[in-house]
C-alpha atoms as a PDB file:
ATOM      1  CA  UNK A   1    -104.692 165.839 -25.859  1.00  0.00           C
ATOM      2  CA  UNK A   2    -103.216 166.172 -22.607  1.00  0.00           C
ATOM      3  CA  UNK A   3    -100.632 168.754 -21.483  1.00  0.00           C
ATOM      4  CA  UNK A   4     -97.971 167.504 -19.209  1.00  0.00           C
ATOM      5  CA  UNK A   5     -95.966 170.462 -17.063  1.00  0.00           C
ATOM      6  CA  UNK A   6     -92.642 169.113 -15.423  1.00  0.00           C
ATOM      7  CA  UNK A   7     -90.903 171.387 -13.085  1.00  0.00           C
ATOM      8  CA  UNK A   8     -88.373 169.152 -11.991  1.00  0.00           C
ATOM      9  CA  UNK A   9     -86.103 166.646 -13.382  1.00  0.00           C
ATOM     10  CA  UNK A  10     -87.418 162.968 -13.634  1.00  0.00           C
ATOM     11  CA  UNK A  11     -84.817 160.524 -12.100  1.00  0.00           C
ATOM     12  CA  UNK A  12     -84.534 156.974 -13.182  1.00  0.00           C
ATOM     13  CA  UNK A  13     -85.816 155.206  -9.809  1.00  0.00           C
ATOM     14  CA  UNK A  14     -87.522 151.756 -10.062  1.00  0.00           C
ATOM     15  CA  UNK A  15     -89.955 150.879  -7.288  1.00  0.00           C
ATOM     16  CA  UNK A  16     -93.160 148.682  -6.940  1.00  0.00           C
ATOM     17  CA  UNK A  17     -96.145 150.909  -6.868  1.00  0.00           C
ATOM     18  CA  UNK A  18     -99.796 149.936  -6.774  1.00  0.00           C
ATOM     19  CA  UNK A  19    -102.466 151.996  -8.512  1.00  0.00           C
ATOM     20  CA  UNK A  20    -106.113 152.033  -7.728  1.00  0.00           C
ATOM     21  CA  UNK A  21    -108.478 152.663 -10.545  1.00  0.00           C
ATOM     22  CA  UNK A  22    -112.160 152.463  -9.483  1.00  0.00           C
ATOM     23  CA  UNK A  23    -113.441 150.806 -13.140  1.00  0.00           C
ATOM     24  CA  UNK A  24    -110.644 148.400 -12.919  1.00  0.00           C
ATOM     25  CA  UNK A  25    -109.327 147.782  -9.247  1.00  0.00           C
ATOM     26  CA  UNK A  26    -106.111 147.012  -8.074  1.00  0.00           C
ATOM     27  CA  UNK A  27    -103.347 147.236 -10.664  1.00  0.00           C
ATOM     28  CA  UNK A  28     -99.650 146.451  -9.599  1.00  0.00           C
ATOM     29  CA  UNK A  29     -96.986 148.335 -11.293  1.00  0.00           C
ATOM     30  CA  UNK A  30     -93.231 149.635 -11.320  1.00  0.00           C
ATOM     31  CA  UNK A  31     -91.828 153.023 -11.887  1.00  0.00           C
ATOM     32  CA  UNK A  32     -89.258 153.523 -14.474  1.00  0.00           C
ATOM     33  CA  UNK A  33     -88.673 157.466 -13.501  1.00  0.00           C
ATOM     34  CA  UNK A  34     -90.052 159.807 -10.931  1.00  0.00           C
ATOM     35  CA  UNK A  35     -90.059 163.440 -10.348  1.00  0.00           C
ATOM     36  CA  UNK A  36     -91.774 165.885  -7.749  1.00  0.00           C
ATOM     37  CA  UNK A  37     -94.831 166.080 -10.084  1.00  0.00           C
ATOM     38  CA  UNK A  38     -95.184 162.821 -11.587  1.00  0.00           C
ATOM     39  CA  UNK A  39     -93.864 159.164 -12.493  1.00  0.00           C
ATOM     40  CA  UNK A  40     -94.086 156.787 -15.341  1.00  0.00           C
ATOM     41  CA  UNK A  41     -95.175 153.293 -14.287  1.00  0.00           C
ATOM     42  CA  UNK A  42     -94.822 149.989 -16.233  1.00  0.00           C
ATOM     43  CA  UNK A  43     -98.380 148.472 -15.835  1.00  0.00           C
ATOM     44  CA  UNK A  44     -97.574 144.974 -17.509  1.00  0.00           C
ATOM     45  CA  UNK A  45     -99.890 145.922 -20.777  1.00  0.00           C
ATOM     46  CA  UNK A  46    -102.671 147.089 -18.816  1.00  0.00           C
ATOM     47  CA  UNK A  47    -104.321 149.961 -20.589  1.00  0.00           C
ATOM     48  CA  UNK A  48    -105.493 153.013 -18.720  1.00  0.00           C
ATOM     49  CA  UNK A  49    -107.515 155.909 -20.261  1.00  0.00           C
ATOM     50  CA  UNK A  50    -105.944 159.389 -20.939  1.00  0.00           C
ATOM     51  CA  UNK A  51    -107.186 161.692 -17.869  1.00  0.00           C
ATOM     52  CA  UNK A  52    -108.109 158.774 -15.924  1.00  0.00           C
ATOM     53  CA  UNK A  53    -108.032 159.615 -12.214  1.00  0.00           C
ATOM     54  CA  UNK A  54    -106.706 156.676  -9.587  1.00  0.00           C
ATOM     55  CA  UNK A  55    -104.458 156.798  -6.484  1.00  0.00           C
ATOM     56  CA  UNK A  56    -100.743 155.591  -6.663  1.00  0.00           C
ATOM     57  CA  UNK A  57     -99.799 153.600  -3.523  1.00  0.00           C
ATOM     58  CA  UNK A  58     -95.799 153.525  -2.658  1.00  0.00           C
ATOM     59  CA  UNK A  59     -93.727 152.534   0.500  1.00  0.00           C
ATOM     60  CA  UNK A  60     -91.003 154.950   1.419  1.00  0.00           C
ATOM     61  CA  UNK A  61     -88.368 154.019   4.120  1.00  0.00           C
ATOM     62  CA  UNK A  62     -86.669 156.342   6.070  1.00  0.00           C
ATOM     63  CA  UNK A  63     -84.633 156.179   9.613  1.00  0.00           C
ATOM     64  CA  UNK A  64     -85.404 152.297   9.375  1.00  0.00           C
ATOM     65  CA  UNK A  65     -89.101 152.716   9.341  1.00  0.00           C
ATOM     66  CA  UNK A  66     -91.629 152.134   6.395  1.00  0.00           C
ATOM     67  CA  UNK A  67     -94.447 154.331   5.607  1.00  0.00           C
ATOM     68  CA  UNK A  68     -96.963 153.797   3.158  1.00  0.00           C
ATOM     69  CA  UNK A  69     -98.099 156.624   0.965  1.00  0.00           C
ATOM     70  CA  UNK A  70    -101.431 157.270  -1.061  1.00  0.00           C
ATOM     71  CA  UNK A  71    -101.230 160.032  -3.827  1.00  0.00           C
ATOM     72  CA  UNK A  72    -104.097 160.983  -6.195  1.00  0.00           C
ATOM     73  CA  UNK A  73    -102.890 161.130  -9.806  1.00  0.00           C
ATOM     74  CA  UNK A  74    -104.271 161.166 -13.161  1.00  0.00           C
ATOM     75  CA  UNK A  75    -102.901 159.541 -16.379  1.00  0.00           C
ATOM     76  CA  UNK A  76    -101.095 162.111 -18.802  1.00  0.00           C
ATOM     77  CA  UNK A  77     -99.797 159.785 -21.569  1.00  0.00           C
ATOM     78  CA  UNK A  78     -99.755 156.386 -22.485  1.00  0.00           C
ATOM     79  CA  UNK A  79     -96.740 154.281 -24.019  1.00  0.00           C
ATOM     80  CA  UNK A  80     -97.310 150.673 -24.729  1.00  0.00           C
ATOM     81  CA  UNK A  81     -95.707 149.568 -21.418  1.00  0.00           C
ATOM     82  CA  UNK A  82     -97.073 151.769 -19.338  1.00  0.00           C
ATOM     83  CA  UNK A  83     -98.612 155.159 -18.359  1.00  0.00           C
ATOM     84  CA  UNK A  84     -97.032 158.604 -17.205  1.00  0.00           C
ATOM     85  CA  UNK A  85     -99.079 160.025 -14.439  1.00  0.00           C
ATOM     86  CA  UNK A  86     -98.951 163.370 -13.120  1.00  0.00           C
ATOM     87  CA  UNK A  87     -99.355 163.433  -9.022  1.00  0.00           C
ATOM     88  CA  UNK A  88    -101.829 165.647  -7.235  1.00  0.00           C
ATOM     89  CA  UNK A  89     -99.946 166.056  -3.855  1.00  0.00           C
ATOM     90  CA  UNK A  90    -102.282 166.164  -0.732  1.00  0.00           C
ATOM     91  CA  UNK A  91    -100.026 165.449   1.955  1.00  0.00           C
ATOM     92  CA  UNK A  92     -96.723 166.904   2.746  1.00  0.00           C
ATOM     93  CA  UNK A  93     -95.518 163.576   3.554  1.00  0.00           C
ATOM     94  CA  UNK A  94     -96.182 162.270   0.521  1.00  0.00           C
ATOM     95  CA  UNK A  95     -93.885 165.336  -1.171  1.00  0.00           C
ATOM     96  CA  UNK A  96     -91.193 164.896   0.974  1.00  0.00           C
ATOM     97  CA  UNK A  97     -91.027 161.273   0.866  1.00  0.00           C
ATOM     98  CA  UNK A  98     -90.789 161.769  -2.888  1.00  0.00           C
ATOM     99  CA  UNK A  99     -88.247 164.378  -2.539  1.00  0.00           C
ATOM    100  CA  UNK A 100     -85.993 162.291  -0.058  1.00  0.00           C
ATOM    101  CA  UNK A 101     -86.013 159.443  -2.892  1.00  0.00           C
ATOM    102  CA  UNK A 102     -85.142 161.836  -5.973  1.00  0.00           C
ATOM    103  CA  UNK A 103     -82.212 163.626  -3.566  1.00  0.00           C
ATOM    104  CA  UNK A 104     -80.918 160.027  -2.549  1.00  0.00           C
ATOM    105  CA  UNK A 105     -81.055 158.911  -6.072  1.00  0.00           C
END
């Protein structure tokens, strides 16, 4: 069983994301909610194993510019229509992009 630690509130933000999971390749998804530490992604019935390590890609918009982010993550829970992911920030710009989205929501 996986343990999820949530330090910040999840907000209901929907955006398109791309998951890259080595054994399956690219999976298109849509977020249901996001926090600084994680997100729930609807995967259209595609199942991912608990603790699967993957990469989440999303686009942020700031000052009229778009930037693509690639954040390492792993699956902490699975609910029929999607997965809960815990993010492992490796770049401050990814963290700040999420923080900006959360404060604007």
